Amino acid sequence: MISHVRSCLEPGDFQDEKITRIVSLIFELAGQGKKICPSNLANYLNDEKSLECICEAALISEAPETNRELIINDCIRMIKNRKHLLERQRLHEEIKLAEIQKDEEKLEKLRREFCSLIKGAEKK
């Protein structure tokens, strides 16, 4: 499932810095052909929060394969939706600021970026 997740998401798609670090590590180790398991990952991580995340993720791996795929696809969808929402909010705030500052050039650029983001979401 790692290759499936890697084809759908990038480490930067995650909002939490620790999760980004864990996902990067998993992708890196998988790329090197190393076994991905909680104990192996724990060797590379030394903080309690990261280890808790690994333990929670290990529970998914115990689910039946058909449920596991459904769970992972739901998680991918939620992560993408959250990233899209945060990006829209960021652009909205920047547009408001550009309007206040009367920066027409920046405002036009941000509006194009916002429209592009919305059109991209509609295609999905």
PDB file of N, CA and C in Angstrom:
ATOM      1  N   MET A   1       0.812  -1.200   0.000  1.00  0.00           N
ATOM      2  CA  MET A   1       0.000   0.000   0.000  1.00  0.00           C
ATOM      3  C   MET A   1       0.858   1.269   0.000  1.00  0.00           C
ATOM      4  N   ILE A   2       2.132   1.131   0.368  1.00  0.00           N
ATOM      5  CA  ILE A   2       3.003   2.313   0.411  1.00  0.00           C
ATOM      6  C   ILE A   2       3.128   2.937  -0.978  1.00  0.00           C
ATOM      7  N   SER A   3       3.291   2.114  -1.988  1.00  0.00           N
ATOM      8  CA  SER A   3       3.426   2.672  -3.345  1.00  0.00           C
ATOM      9  C   SER A   3       2.133   3.364  -3.770  1.00  0.00           C
ATOM     10  N   HIS A   4       0.998   2.825  -3.352  1.00  0.00           N
ATOM     11  CA  HIS A   4      -0.292   3.458  -3.661  1.00  0.00           C
ATOM     12  C   HIS A   4      -0.380   4.832  -2.990  1.00  0.00           C
ATOM     13  N   VAL A   5      -0.045   4.890  -1.709  1.00  0.00           N
ATOM     14  CA  VAL A   5      -0.094   6.158  -0.976  1.00  0.00           C
ATOM     15  C   VAL A   5       0.890   7.140  -1.592  1.00  0.00           C
ATOM     16  N   ARG A   6       2.070   6.643  -1.926  1.00  0.00           N
ATOM     17  CA  ARG A   6       3.104   7.520  -2.506  1.00  0.00           C
ATOM     18  C   ARG A   6       2.657   8.095  -3.845  1.00  0.00           C
ATOM     19  N   SER A   7       1.867   7.342  -4.589  1.00  0.00           N
ATOM     20  CA  SER A   7       1.389   7.846  -5.887  1.00  0.00           C
ATOM     21  C   SER A   7       0.289   8.891  -5.717  1.00  0.00           C
ATOM     22  N   CYS A   8      -0.351   8.903  -4.545  1.00  0.00           N
ATOM     23  CA  CYS A   8      -1.464   9.831  -4.306  1.00  0.00           C
ATOM     24  C   CYS A   8      -1.073  11.045  -3.468  1.00  0.00           C
ATOM     25  N   LEU A   9      -0.088  10.877  -2.610  1.00  0.00           N
ATOM     26  CA  LEU A   9       0.273  11.936  -1.666  1.00  0.00           C
ATOM     27  C   LEU A   9       1.772  12.168  -1.637  1.00  0.00           C
ATOM     28  N   GLU A  10       2.127  13.358  -1.200  1.00  0.00           N
ATOM     29  CA  GLU A  10       3.527  13.706  -0.941  1.00  0.00           C
ATOM     30  C   GLU A  10       3.643  14.030   0.543  1.00  0.00           C
ATOM     31  N   PRO A  11       4.819  13.920   1.116  1.00  0.00           N
ATOM     32  CA  PRO A  11       4.957  14.271   2.537  1.00  0.00           C
ATOM     33  C   PRO A  11       4.437  15.677   2.850  1.00  0.00           C
ATOM     34  N   GLY A  12       4.610  16.606   1.925  1.00  0.00           N
ATOM     35  CA  GLY A  12       4.154  17.974   2.134  1.00  0.00           C
ATOM     36  C   GLY A  12       2.639  18.135   2.162  1.00  0.00           C
ATOM     37  N   ASP A  13       1.899  17.090   1.797  1.00  0.00           N
ATOM     38  CA  ASP A  13       0.440  17.152   1.847  1.00  0.00           C
ATOM     39  C   ASP A  13      -0.080  17.077   3.282  1.00  0.00           C
ATOM     40  N   PHE A  14       0.769  16.665   4.191  1.00  0.00           N
ATOM     41  CA  PHE A  14       0.373  16.521   5.585  1.00  0.00           C
ATOM     42  C   PHE A  14       0.624  17.828   6.322  1.00  0.00           C
ATOM     43  N   GLN A  15      -0.314  18.203   7.177  1.00  0.00           N
ATOM     44  CA  GLN A  15      -0.218  19.471   7.891  1.00  0.00           C
ATOM     45  C   GLN A  15       0.665  19.373   9.134  1.00  0.00           C
ATOM     46  N   ASP A  16       0.731  18.208   9.722  1.00  0.00           N
ATOM     47  CA  ASP A  16       1.497  18.006  10.940  1.00  0.00           C
ATOM     48  C   ASP A  16       2.952  17.689  10.595  1.00  0.00           C
ATOM     49  N   GLU A  17       3.866  18.424  11.201  1.00  0.00           N
ATOM     50  CA  GLU A  17       5.295  18.272  10.919  1.00  0.00           C
ATOM     51  C   GLU A  17       5.794  16.862  11.240  1.00  0.00           C
ATOM     52  N   LYS A  18       5.312  16.287  12.329  1.00  0.00           N
ATOM     53  CA  LYS A  18       5.752  14.941  12.716  1.00  0.00           C
ATOM     54  C   LYS A  18       5.269  13.894  11.714  1.00  0.00           C
ATOM     55  N   ILE A  19       4.034  14.053  11.249  1.00  0.00           N
ATOM     56  CA  ILE A  19       3.500  13.120  10.255  1.00  0.00           C
ATOM     57  C   ILE A  19       4.286  13.251   8.959  1.00  0.00           C
ATOM     58  N   THR A  20       4.588  14.482   8.574  1.00  0.00           N
ATOM     59  CA  THR A  20       5.388  14.712   7.369  1.00  0.00           C
ATOM     60  C   THR A  20       6.721  13.984   7.490  1.00  0.00           C
ATOM     61  N   ARG A  21       7.333  14.087   8.648  1.00  0.00           N
ATOM     62  CA  ARG A  21       8.625  13.433   8.883  1.00  0.00           C
ATOM     63  C   ARG A  21       8.498  11.906   8.801  1.00  0.00           C
ATOM     64  N   ILE A  22       7.444  11.365   9.404  1.00  0.00           N
ATOM     65  CA  ILE A  22       7.232   9.912   9.395  1.00  0.00           C
ATOM     66  C   ILE A  22       6.981   9.427   7.971  1.00  0.00           C
ATOM     67  N   VAL A  23       6.120  10.127   7.240  1.00  0.00           N
ATOM     68  CA  VAL A  23       5.802   9.731   5.868  1.00  0.00           C
ATOM     69  C   VAL A  23       7.058   9.795   4.994  1.00  0.00           C
ATOM     70  N   SER A  24       7.852  10.839   5.159  1.00  0.00           N
ATOM     71  CA  SER A  24       9.110  10.950   4.406  1.00  0.00           C
ATOM     72  C   SER A  24      10.016   9.761   4.709  1.00  0.00           C
ATOM     73  N   LEU A  25      10.100   9.411   5.980  1.00  0.00           N
ATOM     74  CA  LEU A  25      10.935   8.279   6.385  1.00  0.00           C
ATOM     75  C   LEU A  25      10.422   6.977   5.774  1.00  0.00           C
ATOM     76  N   ILE A  26       9.116   6.773   5.822  1.00  0.00           N
ATOM     77  CA  ILE A  26       8.538   5.554   5.246  1.00  0.00           C
ATOM     78  C   ILE A  26       8.823   5.481   3.750  1.00  0.00           C
ATOM     79  N   PHE A  27       8.605   6.581   3.039  1.00  0.00           N
ATOM     80  CA  PHE A  27       8.877   6.592   1.602  1.00  0.00           C
ATOM     81  C   PHE A  27      10.351   6.322   1.325  1.00  0.00           C
ATOM     82  N   GLU A  28      11.218   6.922   2.125  1.00  0.00           N
ATOM     83  CA  GLU A  28      12.661   6.735   1.938  1.00  0.00           C
ATOM     84  C   GLU A  28      13.064   5.280   2.182  1.00  0.00           C
ATOM     85  N   LEU A  29      12.607   4.711   3.285  1.00  0.00           N
ATOM     86  CA  LEU A  29      12.956   3.324   3.605  1.00  0.00           C
ATOM     87  C   LEU A  29      12.379   2.352   2.584  1.00  0.00           C
ATOM     88  N   ALA A  30      11.144   2.598   2.159  1.00  0.00           N
ATOM     89  CA  ALA A  30      10.525   1.734   1.146  1.00  0.00           C
ATOM     90  C   ALA A  30      11.307   1.820  -0.162  1.00  0.00           C
ATOM     91  N   GLY A  31      11.764   3.020  -0.500  1.00  0.00           N
ATOM     92  CA  GLY A  31      12.559   3.203  -1.710  1.00  0.00           C
ATOM     93  C   GLY A  31      13.883   2.460  -1.657  1.00  0.00           C
ATOM     94  N   GLN A  32      14.382   2.254  -0.439  1.00  0.00           N
ATOM     95  CA  GLN A  32      15.630   1.512  -0.252  1.00  0.00           C
ATOM     96  C   GLN A  32      15.383   0.009  -0.112  1.00  0.00           C
ATOM     97  N   GLY A  33      14.097  -0.387  -0.200  1.00  0.00           N
ATOM     98  CA  GLY A  33      13.753  -1.803  -0.094  1.00  0.00           C
ATOM     99  C   GLY A  33      13.776  -2.334   1.325  1.00  0.00           C
ATOM    100  N   LYS A  34      13.792  -1.449   2.312  1.00  0.00           N
ATOM    101  CA  LYS A  34      13.816  -1.883   3.710  1.00  0.00           C
ATOM    102  C   LYS A  34      12.409  -2.181   4.190  1.00  0.00           C
ATOM    103  N   LYS A  35      12.332  -3.065   5.173  1.00  0.00           N
ATOM    104  CA  LYS A  35      11.056  -3.460   5.748  1.00  0.00           C
ATOM    105  C   LYS A  35      10.477  -2.296   6.559  1.00  0.00           C
ATOM    106  N   ILE A  36       9.190  -2.063   6.365  1.00  0.00           N
ATOM    107  CA  ILE A  36       8.508  -0.990   7.082  1.00  0.00           C
ATOM    108  C   ILE A  36       7.645  -1.630   8.164  1.00  0.00           C
ATOM    109  N   CYS A  37       8.056  -1.449   9.405  1.00  0.00           N
ATOM    110  CA  CYS A  37       7.278  -1.936  10.543  1.00  0.00           C
ATOM    111  C   CYS A  37       7.507  -0.972  11.705  1.00  0.00           C
ATOM    112  N   PRO A  38       6.613  -0.964  12.677  1.00  0.00           N
ATOM    113  CA  PRO A  38       6.739  -0.003  13.780  1.00  0.00           C
ATOM    114  C   PRO A  38       8.100  -0.046  14.482  1.00  0.00           C
ATOM    115  N   SER A  39       8.608  -1.218  14.737  1.00  0.00           N
ATOM    116  CA  SER A  39       9.888  -1.293  15.453  1.00  0.00           C
ATOM    117  C   SER A  39      11.036  -0.736  14.616  1.00  0.00           C
ATOM    118  N   ASN A  40      10.985  -0.956  13.306  1.00  0.00           N
ATOM    119  CA  ASN A  40      12.017  -0.422  12.419  1.00  0.00           C
ATOM    120  C   ASN A  40      11.936   1.100  12.364  1.00  0.00           C
ATOM    121  N   LEU A  41      10.722   1.625  12.266  1.00  0.00           N
ATOM    122  CA  LEU A  41      10.545   3.077  12.227  1.00  0.00           C
ATOM    123  C   LEU A  41      10.973   3.722  13.545  1.00  0.00           C
ATOM    124  N   ALA A  42      10.677   3.043  14.641  1.00  0.00           N
ATOM    125  CA  ALA A  42      11.026   3.580  15.963  1.00  0.00           C
ATOM    126  C   ALA A  42      12.528   3.772  16.102  1.00  0.00           C
ATOM    127  N   ASN A  43      13.315   2.989  15.392  1.00  0.00           N
ATOM    128  CA  ASN A  43      14.778   3.139  15.434  1.00  0.00           C
ATOM    129  C   ASN A  43      15.234   4.477  14.862  1.00  0.00           C
ATOM    130  N   TYR A  44      14.421   5.061  13.995  1.00  0.00           N
ATOM    131  CA  TYR A  44      14.787   6.318  13.338  1.00  0.00           C
ATOM    132  C   TYR A  44      14.167   7.548  14.015  1.00  0.00           C
ATOM    133  N   LEU A  45      13.216   7.307  14.889  1.00  0.00           N
ATOM    134  CA  LEU A  45      12.499   8.411  15.530  1.00  0.00           C
ATOM    135  C   LEU A  45      12.713   8.356  17.040  1.00  0.00           C
ATOM    136  N   ASN A  46      12.822   9.530  17.648  1.00  0.00           N
ATOM    137  CA  ASN A  46      13.123   9.512  19.076  1.00  0.00           C
ATOM    138  C   ASN A  46      12.149  10.318  19.932  1.00  0.00           C
ATOM    139  N   ASP A  47      11.078  10.807  19.342  1.00  0.00           N
ATOM    140  CA  ASP A  47      10.144  11.583  20.160  1.00  0.00           C
ATOM    141  C   ASP A  47       8.851  10.807  20.382  1.00  0.00           C
ATOM    142  N   GLU A  48       8.240  11.040  21.508  1.00  0.00           N
ATOM    143  CA  GLU A  48       7.047  10.317  21.945  1.00  0.00           C
ATOM    144  C   GLU A  48       5.876  10.464  20.972  1.00  0.00           C
ATOM    145  N   LYS A  49       5.633  11.672  20.471  1.00  0.00           N
ATOM    146  CA  LYS A  49       4.506  11.911  19.562  1.00  0.00           C
ATOM    147  C   LYS A  49       4.641  11.093  18.280  1.00  0.00           C
ATOM    148  N   SER A  50       5.835  11.047  17.732  1.00  0.00           N
ATOM    149  CA  SER A  50       6.053  10.281  16.501  1.00  0.00           C
ATOM    150  C   SER A  50       5.813   8.799  16.754  1.00  0.00           C
ATOM    151  N   LEU A  51       6.265   8.320  17.885  1.00  0.00           N
ATOM    152  CA  LEU A  51       6.075   6.905  18.219  1.00  0.00           C
ATOM    153  C   LEU A  51       4.590   6.592  18.421  1.00  0.00           C
ATOM    154  N   GLU A  52       3.841   7.520  19.003  1.00  0.00           N
ATOM    155  CA  GLU A  52       2.395   7.327  19.158  1.00  0.00           C
ATOM    156  C   GLU A  52       1.723   7.227  17.791  1.00  0.00           C
ATOM    157  N   CYS A  53       2.133   8.083  16.870  1.00  0.00           N
ATOM    158  CA  CYS A  53       1.565   8.054  15.510  1.00  0.00           C
ATOM    159  C   CYS A  53       1.836   6.716  14.839  1.00  0.00           C
ATOM    160  N   ILE A  54       3.029   6.211  15.029  1.00  0.00           N
ATOM    161  CA  ILE A  54       3.398   4.918  14.424  1.00  0.00           C
ATOM    162  C   ILE A  54       2.535   3.805  14.993  1.00  0.00           C
ATOM    163  N   CYS A  55       2.314   3.829  16.289  1.00  0.00           N
ATOM    164  CA  CYS A  55       1.488   2.803  16.929  1.00  0.00           C
ATOM    165  C   CYS A  55       0.049   2.864  16.430  1.00  0.00           C
ATOM    166  N   GLU A  56      -0.487   4.062  16.281  1.00  0.00           N
ATOM    167  CA  GLU A  56      -1.850   4.210  15.762  1.00  0.00           C
ATOM    168  C   GLU A  56      -1.935   3.683  14.330  1.00  0.00           C
ATOM    169  N   ALA A  57      -0.940   3.996  13.534  1.00  0.00           N
ATOM    170  CA  ALA A  57      -0.936   3.540  12.143  1.00  0.00           C
ATOM    171  C   ALA A  57      -0.810   2.019  12.063  1.00  0.00           C
ATOM    172  N   ALA A  58      -0.118   1.434  13.033  1.00  0.00           N
ATOM    173  CA  ALA A  58       0.055  -0.025  13.044  1.00  0.00           C
ATOM    174  C   ALA A  58      -1.289  -0.728  13.184  1.00  0.00           C
ATOM    175  N   LEU A  59      -2.251  -0.083  13.832  1.00  0.00           N
ATOM    176  CA  LEU A  59      -3.577  -0.687  13.982  1.00  0.00           C
ATOM    177  C   LEU A  59      -4.254  -0.873  12.629  1.00  0.00           C
ATOM    178  N   ILE A  60      -4.029   0.055  11.715  1.00  0.00           N
ATOM    179  CA  ILE A  60      -4.610  -0.061  10.376  1.00  0.00           C
ATOM    180  C   ILE A  60      -4.072  -1.304   9.673  1.00  0.00           C
ATOM    181  N   SER A  61      -2.793  -1.577   9.887  1.00  0.00           N
ATOM    182  CA  SER A  61      -2.183  -2.727   9.204  1.00  0.00           C
ATOM    183  C   SER A  61      -2.758  -4.049   9.687  1.00  0.00           C
ATOM    184  N   GLU A  62      -3.442  -4.051  10.829  1.00  0.00           N
ATOM    185  CA  GLU A  62      -4.053  -5.278  11.350  1.00  0.00           C
ATOM    186  C   GLU A  62      -5.460  -5.487  10.797  1.00  0.00           C
ATOM    187  N   ALA A  63      -6.002  -4.494  10.136  1.00  0.00           N
ATOM    188  CA  ALA A  63      -7.345  -4.621   9.557  1.00  0.00           C
ATOM    189  C   ALA A  63      -7.286  -5.578   8.366  1.00  0.00           C
ATOM    190  N   PRO A  64      -8.416  -6.246   8.065  1.00  0.00           N
ATOM    191  CA  PRO A  64      -8.445  -7.095   6.858  1.00  0.00           C
ATOM    192  C   PRO A  64      -8.074  -6.264   5.630  1.00  0.00           C
ATOM    193  N   GLU A  65      -7.466  -6.915   4.661  1.00  0.00           N
ATOM    194  CA  GLU A  65      -6.922  -6.186   3.506  1.00  0.00           C
ATOM    195  C   GLU A  65      -7.963  -5.327   2.788  1.00  0.00           C
ATOM    196  N   THR A  66      -9.177  -5.822   2.597  1.00  0.00           N
ATOM    197  CA  THR A  66     -10.185  -5.022   1.907  1.00  0.00           C
ATOM    198  C   THR A  66     -10.546  -3.792   2.735  1.00  0.00           C
ATOM    199  N   ASN A  67     -10.671  -3.935   4.036  1.00  0.00           N
ATOM    200  CA  ASN A  67     -10.956  -2.784   4.899  1.00  0.00           C
ATOM    201  C   ASN A  67      -9.769  -1.829   4.926  1.00  0.00           C
ATOM    202  N   ARG A  68      -8.580  -2.358   4.928  1.00  0.00           N
ATOM    203  CA  ARG A  68      -7.361  -1.545   4.972  1.00  0.00           C
ATOM    204  C   ARG A  68      -7.304  -0.622   3.763  1.00  0.00           C
ATOM    205  N   GLU A  69      -7.602  -1.169   2.602  1.00  0.00           N
ATOM    206  CA  GLU A  69      -7.572  -0.356   1.385  1.00  0.00           C
ATOM    207  C   GLU A  69      -8.628   0.743   1.439  1.00  0.00           C
ATOM    208  N   LEU A  70      -9.802   0.413   1.922  1.00  0.00           N
ATOM    209  CA  LEU A  70     -10.874   1.397   2.071  1.00  0.00           C
ATOM    210  C   LEU A  70     -10.473   2.489   3.063  1.00  0.00           C
ATOM    211  N   ILE A  71      -9.901   2.093   4.192  1.00  0.00           N
ATOM    212  CA  ILE A  71      -9.460   3.046   5.218  1.00  0.00           C
ATOM    213  C   ILE A  71      -8.401   3.977   4.651  1.00  0.00           C
ATOM    214  N   ILE A  72      -7.429   3.412   3.956  1.00  0.00           N
ATOM    215  CA  ILE A  72      -6.336   4.214   3.399  1.00  0.00           C
ATOM    216  C   ILE A  72      -6.860   5.179   2.346  1.00  0.00           C
ATOM    217  N   ASN A  73      -7.746   4.719   1.479  1.00  0.00           N
ATOM    218  CA  ASN A  73      -8.308   5.605   0.455  1.00  0.00           C
ATOM    219  C   ASN A  73      -9.134   6.727   1.088  1.00  0.00           C
ATOM    220  N   ASP A  74      -9.860   6.406   2.149  1.00  0.00           N
ATOM    221  CA  ASP A  74     -10.604   7.453   2.868  1.00  0.00           C
ATOM    222  C   ASP A  74      -9.646   8.469   3.478  1.00  0.00           C
ATOM    223  N   CYS A  75      -8.560   7.993   4.049  1.00  0.00           N
ATOM    224  CA  CYS A  75      -7.566   8.893   4.639  1.00  0.00           C
ATOM    225  C   CYS A  75      -6.930   9.782   3.574  1.00  0.00           C
ATOM    226  N   ILE A  76      -6.603   9.215   2.433  1.00  0.00           N
ATOM    227  CA  ILE A  76      -6.017   9.994   1.328  1.00  0.00           C
ATOM    228  C   ILE A  76      -6.986  11.097   0.907  1.00  0.00           C
ATOM    229  N   ARG A  77      -8.242  10.747   0.771  1.00  0.00           N
ATOM    230  CA  ARG A  77      -9.256  11.721   0.375  1.00  0.00           C
ATOM    231  C   ARG A  77      -9.375  12.842   1.419  1.00  0.00           C
ATOM    232  N   MET A  78      -9.386  12.475   2.697  1.00  0.00           N
ATOM    233  CA  MET A  78      -9.493  13.478   3.759  1.00  0.00           C
ATOM    234  C   MET A  78      -8.272  14.395   3.792  1.00  0.00           C
ATOM    235  N   ILE A  79      -7.091  13.839   3.607  1.00  0.00           N
ATOM    236  CA  ILE A  79      -5.858  14.640   3.614  1.00  0.00           C
ATOM    237  C   ILE A  79      -5.871  15.628   2.448  1.00  0.00           C
ATOM    238  N   LYS A  80      -6.261  15.159   1.278  1.00  0.00           N
ATOM    239  CA  LYS A  80      -6.322  16.045   0.108  1.00  0.00           C
ATOM    240  C   LYS A  80      -7.370  17.142   0.305  1.00  0.00           C
ATOM    241  N   ASN A  81      -8.529  16.766   0.835  1.00  0.00           N
ATOM    242  CA  ASN A  81      -9.580  17.759   1.076  1.00  0.00           C
ATOM    243  C   ASN A  81      -9.130  18.802   2.090  1.00  0.00           C
ATOM    244  N   ARG A  82      -8.465  18.373   3.136  1.00  0.00           N
ATOM    245  CA  ARG A  82      -7.983  19.300   4.167  1.00  0.00           C
ATOM    246  C   ARG A  82      -6.943  20.253   3.587  1.00  0.00           C
ATOM    247  N   LYS A  83      -6.035  19.712   2.794  1.00  0.00           N
ATOM    248  CA  LYS A  83      -5.006  20.551   2.177  1.00  0.00           C
ATOM    249  C   LYS A  83      -5.666  21.587   1.252  1.00  0.00           C
ATOM    250  N   HIS A  84      -6.639  21.156   0.486  1.00  0.00           N
ATOM    251  CA  HIS A  84      -7.338  22.050  -0.434  1.00  0.00           C
ATOM    252  C   HIS A  84      -8.062  23.146   0.343  1.00  0.00           C
ATOM    253  N   LEU A  85      -8.741  22.785   1.422  1.00  0.00           N
ATOM    254  CA  LEU A  85      -9.454  23.764   2.240  1.00  0.00           C
ATOM    255  C   LEU A  85      -8.494  24.798   2.829  1.00  0.00           C
ATOM    256  N   LEU A  86      -7.376  24.334   3.363  1.00  0.00           N
ATOM    257  CA  LEU A  86      -6.394  25.248   3.946  1.00  0.00           C
ATOM    258  C   LEU A  86      -5.795  26.176   2.889  1.00  0.00           C
ATOM    259  N   GLU A  87      -5.582  25.652   1.704  1.00  0.00           N
ATOM    260  CA  GLU A  87      -5.045  26.474   0.612  1.00  0.00           C
ATOM    261  C   GLU A  87      -6.053  27.548   0.208  1.00  0.00           C
ATOM    262  N   ARG A  88      -7.323  27.175   0.134  1.00  0.00           N
ATOM    263  CA  ARG A  88      -8.371  28.162  -0.183  1.00  0.00           C
ATOM    264  C   ARG A  88      -8.443  29.248   0.887  1.00  0.00           C
ATOM    265  N   GLN A  89      -8.352  28.830   2.148  1.00  0.00           N
ATOM    266  CA  GLN A  89      -8.396  29.806   3.239  1.00  0.00           C
ATOM    267  C   GLN A  89      -7.206  30.753   3.174  1.00  0.00           C
ATOM    268  N   ARG A  90      -6.028  30.201   2.889  1.00  0.00           N
ATOM    269  CA  ARG A  90      -4.819  31.025   2.785  1.00  0.00           C
ATOM    270  C   ARG A  90      -4.973  32.051   1.671  1.00  0.00           C
ATOM    271  N   LEU A  91      -5.434  31.594   0.509  1.00  0.00           N
ATOM    272  CA  LEU A  91      -5.617  32.500  -0.623  1.00  0.00           C
ATOM    273  C   LEU A  91      -6.673  33.555  -0.320  1.00  0.00           C
ATOM    274  N   HIS A  92      -7.743  33.161   0.330  1.00  0.00           N
ATOM    275  CA  HIS A  92      -8.793  34.113   0.690  1.00  0.00           C
ATOM    276  C   HIS A  92      -8.233  35.220   1.582  1.00  0.00           C
ATOM    277  N   GLU A  93      -7.430  34.848   2.571  1.00  0.00           N
ATOM    278  CA  GLU A  93      -6.822  35.835   3.472  1.00  0.00           C
ATOM    279  C   GLU A  93      -5.852  36.750   2.716  1.00  0.00           C
ATOM    280  N   GLU A  94      -5.066  36.178   1.818  1.00  0.00           N
ATOM    281  CA  GLU A  94      -4.122  36.979   1.041  1.00  0.00           C
ATOM    282  C   GLU A  94      -4.858  37.933   0.095  1.00  0.00           C
ATOM    283  N   ILE A  95      -5.979  37.478  -0.453  1.00  0.00           N
ATOM    284  CA  ILE A  95      -6.787  38.344  -1.331  1.00  0.00           C
ATOM    285  C   ILE A  95      -7.340  39.514  -0.526  1.00  0.00           C
ATOM    286  N   LYS A  96      -7.857  39.239   0.659  1.00  0.00           N
ATOM    287  CA  LYS A  96      -8.380  40.320   1.501  1.00  0.00           C
ATOM    288  C   LYS A  96      -7.283  41.333   1.828  1.00  0.00           C
ATOM    289  N   LEU A  97      -6.098  40.847   2.139  1.00  0.00           N
ATOM    290  CA  LEU A  97      -4.981  41.738   2.457  1.00  0.00           C
ATOM    291  C   LEU A  97      -4.581  42.575   1.244  1.00  0.00           C
ATOM    292  N   ALA A  98      -4.520  41.945   0.082  1.00  0.00           N
ATOM    293  CA  ALA A  98      -4.163  42.673  -1.140  1.00  0.00           C
ATOM    294  C   ALA A  98      -5.216  43.738  -1.460  1.00  0.00           C
ATOM    295  N   GLU A  99      -6.482  43.435  -1.186  1.00  0.00           N
ATOM    296  CA  GLU A  99      -7.543  44.429  -1.399  1.00  0.00           C
ATOM    297  C   GLU A  99      -7.360  45.625  -0.469  1.00  0.00           C
ATOM    298  N   ILE A 100      -7.057  45.340   0.792  1.00  0.00           N
ATOM    299  CA  ILE A 100      -6.839  46.404   1.770  1.00  0.00           C
ATOM    300  C   ILE A 100      -5.650  47.275   1.362  1.00  0.00           C
ATOM    301  N   GLN A 101      -4.596  46.609   0.878  1.00  0.00           N
ATOM    302  CA  GLN A 101      -3.379  47.326   0.477  1.00  0.00           C
ATOM    303  C   GLN A 101      -3.505  47.938  -0.918  1.00  0.00           C
ATOM    304  N   LYS A 102      -4.611  47.641  -1.586  1.00  0.00           N
ATOM    305  CA  LYS A 102      -4.856  48.133  -2.952  1.00  0.00           C
ATOM    306  C   LYS A 102      -3.726  47.748  -3.915  1.00  0.00           C
ATOM    307  N   ASP A 103      -3.233  46.529  -3.743  1.00  0.00           N
ATOM    308  CA  ASP A 103      -2.172  45.991  -4.588  1.00  0.00           C
ATOM    309  C   ASP A 103      -2.829  45.207  -5.730  1.00  0.00           C
ATOM    310  N   GLU A 104      -3.160  45.917  -6.806  1.00  0.00           N
ATOM    311  CA  GLU A 104      -3.913  45.343  -7.920  1.00  0.00           C
ATOM    312  C   GLU A 104      -3.170  44.197  -8.615  1.00  0.00           C
ATOM    313  N   GLU A 105      -1.877  44.338  -8.753  1.00  0.00           N
ATOM    314  CA  GLU A 105      -1.097  43.299  -9.424  1.00  0.00           C
ATOM    315  C   GLU A 105      -1.133  41.990  -8.614  1.00  0.00           C
ATOM    316  N   LYS A 106      -0.890  42.103  -7.324  1.00  0.00           N
ATOM    317  CA  LYS A 106      -0.915  40.924  -6.459  1.00  0.00           C
ATOM    318  C   LYS A 106      -2.332  40.361  -6.380  1.00  0.00           C
ATOM    319  N   LEU A 107      -3.311  41.233  -6.320  1.00  0.00           N
ATOM    320  CA  LEU A 107      -4.709  40.815  -6.243  1.00  0.00           C
ATOM    321  C   LEU A 107      -5.098  39.987  -7.467  1.00  0.00           C
ATOM    322  N   GLU A 108      -4.714  40.446  -8.629  1.00  0.00           N
ATOM    323  CA  GLU A 108      -5.021  39.711  -9.859  1.00  0.00           C
ATOM    324  C   GLU A 108      -4.342  38.340  -9.862  1.00  0.00           C
ATOM    325  N   LYS A 109      -3.102  38.305  -9.449  1.00  0.00           N
ATOM    326  CA  LYS A 109      -2.347  37.036  -9.384  1.00  0.00           C
ATOM    327  C   LYS A 109      -3.029  36.062  -8.417  1.00  0.00           C
ATOM    328  N   LEU A 110      -3.418  36.547  -7.254  1.00  0.00           N
ATOM    329  CA  LEU A 110      -4.070  35.706  -6.256  1.00  0.00           C
ATOM    330  C   LEU A 110      -5.431  35.218  -6.729  1.00  0.00           C
ATOM    331  N   ARG A 111      -6.162  36.076  -7.402  1.00  0.00           N
ATOM    332  CA  ARG A 111      -7.472  35.664  -7.936  1.00  0.00           C
ATOM    333  C   ARG A 111      -7.326  34.570  -8.988  1.00  0.00           C
ATOM    334  N   ARG A 112      -6.321  34.702  -9.841  1.00  0.00           N
ATOM    335  CA  ARG A 112      -6.072  33.650 -10.842  1.00  0.00           C
ATOM    336  C   ARG A 112      -5.711  32.338 -10.146  1.00  0.00           C
ATOM    337  N   GLU A 113      -4.863  32.434  -9.136  1.00  0.00           N
ATOM    338  CA  GLU A 113      -4.458  31.245  -8.383  1.00  0.00           C
ATOM    339  C   GLU A 113      -5.670  30.607  -7.703  1.00  0.00           C
ATOM    340  N   PHE A 114      -6.542  31.429  -7.131  1.00  0.00           N
ATOM    341  CA  PHE A 114      -7.747  30.942  -6.470  1.00  0.00           C
ATOM    342  C   PHE A 114      -8.661  30.238  -7.476  1.00  0.00           C
ATOM    343  N   CYS A 115      -8.874  30.861  -8.626  1.00  0.00           N
ATOM    344  CA  CYS A 115      -9.711  30.259  -9.673  1.00  0.00           C
ATOM    345  C   CYS A 115      -9.134  28.937 -10.160  1.00  0.00           C
ATOM    346  N   SER A 116      -7.843  28.907 -10.329  1.00  0.00           N
ATOM    347  CA  SER A 116      -7.166  27.680 -10.751  1.00  0.00           C
ATOM    348  C   SER A 116      -7.360  26.567  -9.716  1.00  0.00           C
ATOM    349  N   LEU A 117      -7.260  26.931  -8.461  1.00  0.00           N
ATOM    350  CA  LEU A 117      -7.452  25.961  -7.373  1.00  0.00           C
ATOM    351  C   LEU A 117      -8.875  25.426  -7.393  1.00  0.00           C
ATOM    352  N   ILE A 118      -9.844  26.292  -7.566  1.00  0.00           N
ATOM    353  CA  ILE A 118     -11.258  25.879  -7.601  1.00  0.00           C
ATOM    354  C   ILE A 118     -11.524  24.992  -8.825  1.00  0.00           C
ATOM    355  N   LYS A 119     -11.000  25.382  -9.997  1.00  0.00           N
ATOM    356  CA  LYS A 119     -11.202  24.578 -11.199  1.00  0.00           C
ATOM    357  C   LYS A 119     -10.565  23.196 -11.055  1.00  0.00           C
ATOM    358  N   GLY A 120      -9.391  23.147 -10.426  1.00  0.00           N
ATOM    359  CA  GLY A 120      -8.729  21.868 -10.188  1.00  0.00           C
ATOM    360  C   GLY A 120      -9.545  20.960  -9.290  1.00  0.00           C
ATOM    361  N   ALA A 121     -10.208  21.545  -8.314  1.00  0.00           N
ATOM    362  CA  ALA A 121     -11.039  20.765  -7.394  1.00  0.00           C
ATOM    363  C   ALA A 121     -12.293  20.245  -8.100  1.00  0.00           C
ATOM    364  N   GLU A 122     -12.832  21.044  -9.033  1.00  0.00           N
ATOM    365  CA  GLU A 122     -14.032  20.626  -9.757  1.00  0.00           C
ATOM    366  C   GLU A 122     -13.761  19.441 -10.669  1.00  0.00           C
ATOM    367  N   LYS A 123     -12.553  19.331 -11.178  1.00  0.00           N
ATOM    368  CA  LYS A 123     -12.195  18.224 -12.080  1.00  0.00           C
ATOM    369  C   LYS A 123     -12.097  16.908 -11.351  1.00  0.00           C
ATOM    370  N   LYS A 124     -11.834  16.978 -10.042  1.00  0.00           N
ATOM    371  CA  LYS A 124     -11.654  15.756  -9.265  1.00  0.00           C
ATOM    372  C   LYS A 124     -12.956  15.213  -8.861  1.00  0.00           C
TER     373      LYS A 124
END
